[in-house]
Amino acid sequence: MADSDAGTGPGKESGRLGALRHGLAVFDMFSMERQTVTATEIARHLGIHKSTASRIASNLVLSGYLVQATNGPGYRLSGKLTRLGAIASTDTNLTSVAIDPVQELVDDVGETCHVGVLEGDEAVTVVLVNGSYSVRMHSWVGKRNEAHTTAMGKALLAGLSDATIDMLFPKRKLIQQTEHTVSTVSELKDQLNLIRRHGFALDNEELEMGLRCVAAPISDHSGNVVAALTIAGASSRLTMGKIDAYVAKVKATAGKISAALGAPGDPSYEIQNAG
C-alpha cells in the first residue's frame, strides 16, 4: 500500500507534491470560528497518521506559516500569512509604499537603505536604494542573509516569540560571519529582548567587518511586524557616536511606511509579544 504522504489516485503524486497539497489543505481548515487546529484534527481532516500530521505542522512552523498557539494546544496562522493576505486583498503593498520614503532617507543620510522581510531564518531584501558613497554595502533585491547576522534580521526576529525562535534555531550554536556575530541562541534572545524594549536593532560589524547597520520594524494594519528598514554604511562613517541620530531617522521613516500600510500606531513589538 502506498504511503499516505505520497498521495493516491491517477498518476500517484510524488511524495513532495503530496506533502505540498497536505500543507495547503491545512490552511483550508482555518476560519474566523476556528483559529487554532491540533495535530489530531489535521490527521483526521487529511486522513493521515498523527505523526505525519505533526511533521507537516512542524514544517509549516519552520517555514514561518504557522505558530504554536499560546492559549492552548495546537497551531494558529502566523503574521506571515496576514502579510500575504493583505497584499493579495489590496493595491497597497510593501514595495510600492516603501520606495519613496526609502529614497528620501537615502537622500538625507547618503547611505544605502533597504527593506527586508523574514522567510524562515533568513532576512530577504525586497526594496533597495543605493547610497551616494563609492564605498558602500553591496546588496540587491532578493539577497538573503542569516537573520541573526544582520540588523534587519534581528529587527524581524524580535517580532517573534521565544518559542518560535527556538524552532527556527534548534541548534544552540549559530553560524558566525565575523568575530562579532551573535554565536548562541541564548545570546540572541538577550539581544531580541533589548530590541523589543528600544525599538531598533544594531549590526555592529556582525555580517561584514567594516559594515555597521541600524534597523527599525515596519508594521502592517494589524500591528504585526512584517518588515524592517535598514540604514547600512561603513563603520568609519556610521560611527557609534552618531548611532542615536541614525536610529531616530530610521525609526521615523519606518513609521511613515507603517502608516502607509495602515498600522494603528508607531511600529513596536508590544502586540506580537503580549501574553
Protein backbone atom coordinates (compact mmCIF):
# COMPACT_ATOMS: atom_id res chain seq x y z
CA MET A 1 0.00 0.00 0.00
CA ALA A 2 1.34 3.46 -0.88
CA ASP A 3 2.34 5.82 1.93
CA SER A 4 -0.37 8.37 2.60
CA ASP A 5 2.24 11.15 2.21
CA ALA A 6 2.81 10.10 -1.39
CA GLY A 7 -0.79 10.59 -2.41
CA THR A 8 -3.10 8.24 -4.26
CA GLY A 9 -5.26 8.32 -7.35
CA PRO A 10 -4.49 8.72 -11.05
CA GLY A 11 -0.82 9.29 -11.69
CA LYS A 12 0.08 8.87 -7.99
CA GLU A 13 1.50 12.24 -6.95
CA SER A 14 5.11 12.38 -5.91
CA GLY A 15 5.82 12.49 -2.18
CA ARG A 16 6.86 16.13 -2.38
CA LEU A 17 3.73 17.20 -4.26
CA GLY A 18 1.57 15.22 -1.89
CA ALA A 19 3.18 16.93 1.09
CA LEU A 20 2.59 20.33 -0.53
CA ARG A 21 -1.09 19.52 -1.09
CA HIS A 22 -1.40 18.41 2.52
CA GLY A 23 0.22 21.63 3.71
CA LEU A 24 -2.17 23.74 1.67
CA ALA A 25 -5.10 21.66 2.92
CA VAL A 26 -4.12 22.57 6.49
CA PHE A 27 -4.65 26.27 5.68
CA ASP A 28 -8.18 25.47 4.48
CA MET A 29 -9.03 24.22 7.96
CA PHE A 30 -8.80 27.71 9.47
CA SER A 31 -11.72 30.13 9.71
CA MET A 32 -12.85 33.01 11.92
CA GLU A 33 -14.60 30.43 14.09
CA ARG A 34 -11.65 28.03 14.08
CA GLN A 35 -8.43 29.93 14.65
CA THR A 36 -6.38 27.03 16.04
CA VAL A 37 -6.02 23.43 14.91
CA THR A 38 -4.27 20.48 16.56
CA ALA A 39 -2.21 17.69 15.05
CA THR A 40 -5.06 15.27 15.85
CA GLU A 41 -7.53 17.44 13.92
CA ILE A 42 -5.12 17.75 10.99
CA ALA A 43 -4.69 13.96 10.91
CA ARG A 44 -8.45 13.41 10.94
CA HIS A 45 -9.06 16.07 8.27
CA LEU A 46 -6.41 14.70 5.91
CA GLY A 47 -6.87 11.03 6.71
CA ILE A 48 -3.24 10.51 7.75
CA HIS A 49 -1.38 9.31 10.83
CA LYS A 50 -0.99 11.78 13.69
CA SER A 51 2.82 11.53 13.48
CA THR A 52 2.65 12.58 9.82
CA ALA A 53 0.28 15.44 10.70
CA SER A 54 2.69 16.60 13.42
CA ARG A 55 5.55 16.59 10.92
CA ILE A 56 3.54 18.65 8.41
CA ALA A 57 2.63 21.18 11.13
CA SER A 58 6.26 21.40 12.31
CA ASN A 59 7.45 22.09 8.75
CA LEU A 60 4.86 24.85 8.39
CA VAL A 61 6.09 26.38 11.65
CA LEU A 62 9.70 26.21 10.49
CA SER A 63 8.66 27.89 7.23
CA GLY A 64 7.01 30.70 9.17
CA TYR A 65 3.41 30.00 8.13
CA LEU A 66 2.12 28.59 11.43
CA VAL A 67 2.97 29.36 15.05
CA GLN A 68 2.21 27.41 18.18
CA ALA A 69 -0.93 28.58 19.95
CA THR A 70 -0.24 30.42 23.21
CA ASN A 71 -3.61 29.79 24.87
CA GLY A 72 -3.77 26.01 24.44
CA PRO A 73 -2.60 23.09 22.30
CA GLY A 74 -2.35 23.34 18.54
CA TYR A 75 -1.29 25.86 15.93
CA ARG A 76 -2.51 29.14 14.51
CA LEU A 77 -1.77 31.10 11.36
CA SER A 78 1.27 33.37 11.53
CA GLY A 79 1.64 37.03 10.74
CA LYS A 80 3.44 35.99 7.57
CA LEU A 81 0.11 34.85 6.12
CA THR A 82 -1.50 38.07 7.32
CA ARG A 83 1.06 39.98 5.29
CA LEU A 84 0.43 37.85 2.20
CA GLY A 85 -3.32 38.20 2.62
CA ALA A 86 -3.07 41.96 2.92
CA ILE A 87 -1.00 42.12 -0.25
CA ALA A 88 -3.50 39.95 -2.10
CA SER A 89 -6.54 41.91 -0.97
CA THR A 90 -5.41 45.47 -1.62
CA ASP A 91 -3.47 47.51 -4.11
CA THR A 92 -1.33 48.82 -1.25
CA ASN A 93 1.77 46.66 -0.87
CA LEU A 94 5.08 46.98 0.87
CA THR A 95 7.20 47.64 -2.20
CA SER A 96 5.06 50.42 -3.61
CA VAL A 97 4.58 52.30 -0.33
CA ALA A 98 8.20 51.93 0.82
CA ILE A 99 10.16 53.10 -2.21
CA ASP A 100 9.57 56.87 -1.88
CA PRO A 101 10.23 57.10 1.89
CA VAL A 102 13.36 54.95 1.47
CA GLN A 103 14.61 57.22 -1.32
CA GLU A 104 14.04 60.26 0.90
CA LEU A 105 16.02 58.61 3.68
CA VAL A 106 18.91 57.84 1.32
CA ASP A 107 18.88 61.44 0.08
CA ASP A 108 19.12 62.55 3.72
CA VAL A 109 21.83 60.22 5.05
CA GLY A 110 23.71 59.30 1.86
CA GLU A 111 23.95 55.63 2.91
CA THR A 112 22.39 52.57 1.29
CA CYS A 113 18.97 51.78 2.73
CA HIS A 114 16.88 48.68 2.23
CA VAL A 115 13.69 46.98 3.37
CA GLY A 116 13.51 43.27 4.04
CA VAL A 117 11.14 40.54 5.18
CA LEU A 118 11.65 37.34 7.13
CA GLU A 119 11.48 33.99 5.38
CA GLY A 120 12.21 31.19 7.82
CA ASP A 121 15.54 32.01 9.45
CA GLU A 122 16.64 34.35 6.63
CA ALA A 123 16.19 38.08 6.02
CA VAL A 124 15.37 38.82 2.37
CA THR A 125 15.81 42.26 0.76
CA VAL A 126 12.72 43.41 -1.14
CA VAL A 127 13.43 47.15 -1.57
CA LEU A 128 16.88 48.68 -2.11
CA VAL A 129 18.14 52.20 -2.76
CA ASN A 130 21.92 52.60 -3.05
CA GLY A 131 23.70 55.40 -1.27
CA SER A 132 25.91 58.05 -2.84
CA TYR A 133 29.25 56.91 -1.39
CA SER A 134 31.65 54.96 -3.60
CA VAL A 135 32.42 52.64 -0.68
CA ARG A 136 29.11 51.18 0.40
CA MET A 137 27.28 47.97 1.19
CA HIS A 138 26.90 45.64 -1.81
CA SER A 139 23.34 44.38 -1.89
CA TRP A 140 20.50 43.60 -4.28
CA VAL A 141 16.79 42.85 -4.25
CA GLY A 142 16.41 39.19 -3.37
CA LYS A 143 19.63 38.99 -1.34
CA ARG A 144 19.37 36.60 1.61
CA ASN A 145 21.32 36.61 4.86
CA GLU A 146 21.03 34.56 8.04
CA ALA A 147 18.66 36.71 10.06
CA HIS A 148 20.71 36.66 13.26
CA THR A 149 23.71 38.21 11.45
CA THR A 150 22.00 41.46 10.38
CA ALA A 151 20.23 44.41 11.96
CA MET A 152 17.32 43.86 9.56
CA GLY A 153 17.04 40.20 10.51
CA LYS A 154 17.21 40.83 14.24
CA ALA A 155 14.55 43.56 13.96
CA LEU A 156 12.32 40.97 12.28
CA LEU A 157 13.15 38.14 14.70
CA ALA A 158 12.24 40.40 17.61
CA GLY A 159 8.65 40.25 16.36
CA LEU A 160 8.53 36.51 17.12
CA SER A 161 8.00 34.65 20.38
CA ASP A 162 10.86 32.85 22.11
CA ALA A 163 9.16 29.53 21.31
CA THR A 164 9.28 30.32 17.59
CA ILE A 165 12.92 31.41 17.89
CA ASP A 166 13.69 28.00 19.40
CA MET A 167 12.04 26.28 16.44
CA LEU A 168 13.86 28.44 13.88
CA PHE A 169 17.22 27.86 15.57
CA PRO A 170 17.15 24.33 17.01
CA LYS A 171 20.93 24.27 17.45
CA ARG A 172 22.43 26.19 20.35
CA LYS A 173 25.35 27.37 18.24
CA LEU A 174 24.70 29.89 15.44
CA ILE A 175 26.59 30.48 12.21
CA GLN A 176 29.16 33.25 12.64
CA GLN A 177 30.05 35.58 9.76
CA THR A 178 32.56 37.61 11.79
CA GLU A 179 34.03 37.52 15.27
CA HIS A 180 31.25 39.89 16.35
CA THR A 181 28.29 37.78 15.18
CA VAL A 182 25.98 36.54 17.94
CA SER A 183 27.01 32.92 18.47
CA THR A 184 24.33 31.27 20.64
CA VAL A 185 20.54 31.22 20.77
CA SER A 186 20.65 32.37 24.39
CA GLU A 187 22.68 35.44 23.44
CA LEU A 188 20.37 36.09 20.50
CA LYS A 189 17.31 36.05 22.78
CA ASP A 190 19.01 38.58 25.08
CA GLN A 191 19.59 40.86 22.10
CA LEU A 192 15.99 40.43 20.90
CA ASN A 193 14.66 41.47 24.31
CA LEU A 194 16.69 44.68 24.08
CA ILE A 195 15.44 45.29 20.53
CA ARG A 196 11.82 44.91 21.67
CA ARG A 197 12.46 47.34 24.52
CA HIS A 198 14.22 50.04 22.48
CA GLY A 199 12.55 49.59 19.08
CA PHE A 200 15.65 49.23 16.92
CA ALA A 201 18.36 46.71 16.06
CA LEU A 202 22.09 47.17 15.51
CA ASP A 203 24.54 45.18 13.39
CA ASN A 204 27.96 46.18 14.67
CA GLU A 205 30.22 44.52 12.08
CA GLU A 206 28.38 41.23 12.56
CA LEU A 207 27.71 40.50 8.86
CA GLU A 208 30.88 42.07 7.45
CA MET A 209 33.88 43.71 9.08
CA GLY A 210 33.76 47.45 8.42
CA LEU A 211 29.95 47.46 7.96
CA ARG A 212 27.55 48.87 10.55
CA CYS A 213 23.73 48.93 10.22
CA VAL A 214 20.71 50.10 12.18
CA ALA A 215 17.20 48.83 11.56
CA ALA A 216 13.66 49.52 12.74
CA PRO A 217 10.46 47.47 12.43
CA ILE A 218 7.67 48.11 9.93
CA SER A 219 4.14 47.14 11.00
CA ASP A 220 1.03 46.44 8.94
CA HIS A 221 -2.65 47.22 9.53
CA SER A 222 -2.89 44.54 12.23
CA GLY A 223 0.06 45.92 14.18
CA ASN A 224 2.28 42.93 13.37
CA VAL A 225 5.90 43.43 12.36
CA VAL A 226 6.02 42.41 8.68
CA ALA A 227 9.26 44.04 7.51
CA ALA A 228 12.26 46.05 8.66
CA LEU A 229 14.05 49.13 7.32
CA THR A 230 17.84 49.36 7.49
CA ILE A 231 20.49 52.05 7.09
CA ALA A 232 23.79 50.37 6.16
CA GLY A 233 27.13 52.14 5.97
CA ALA A 234 30.85 51.90 6.52
CA SER A 235 31.65 51.82 10.23
CA SER A 236 34.10 54.67 9.66
CA ARG A 237 31.17 56.91 8.68
CA LEU A 238 28.33 55.40 10.68
CA THR A 239 30.21 55.68 13.95
CA MET A 240 28.84 54.66 17.33
CA GLY A 241 28.84 58.33 18.31
CA LYS A 242 26.30 59.00 15.55
CA ILE A 243 24.09 55.98 16.16
CA ASP A 244 21.37 57.87 18.04
CA ALA A 245 20.86 60.23 15.11
CA TYR A 246 20.65 57.35 12.62
CA VAL A 247 18.26 55.45 14.91
CA ALA A 248 15.91 58.44 15.04
CA LYS A 249 15.93 58.71 11.24
CA VAL A 250 15.37 55.01 10.56
CA LYS A 251 12.56 54.87 13.14
CA ALA A 252 10.84 57.90 11.64
CA THR A 253 10.95 56.50 8.11
CA ALA A 254 9.81 53.06 9.26
CA GLY A 255 6.91 54.83 10.94
CA LYS A 256 5.93 56.51 7.66
CA ILE A 257 5.93 53.19 5.83
CA SER A 258 3.94 51.55 8.62
CA ALA A 259 1.36 54.33 8.49
CA ALA A 260 1.02 53.84 4.73
CA LEU A 261 0.34 50.14 5.39
CA GLY A 262 -2.42 51.10 7.81
CA ALA A 263 -0.57 50.42 11.07
CA PRO A 264 -2.56 51.62 14.11
CA GLY A 265 0.41 53.40 15.72
CA ASP A 266 4.18 53.58 15.90
CA PRO A 267 5.94 50.31 14.98
CA SER A 268 6.51 48.26 18.12
CA TYR A 269 6.74 44.73 19.40
CA GLU A 270 4.11 45.11 22.11
CA ILE A 271 1.25 43.38 20.27
CA GLN A 272 3.26 40.45 18.96
CA ASN A 273 4.70 39.60 22.35
CA ALA A 274 1.71 40.30 24.55
CA GLY A 275 0.89 37.39 26.79
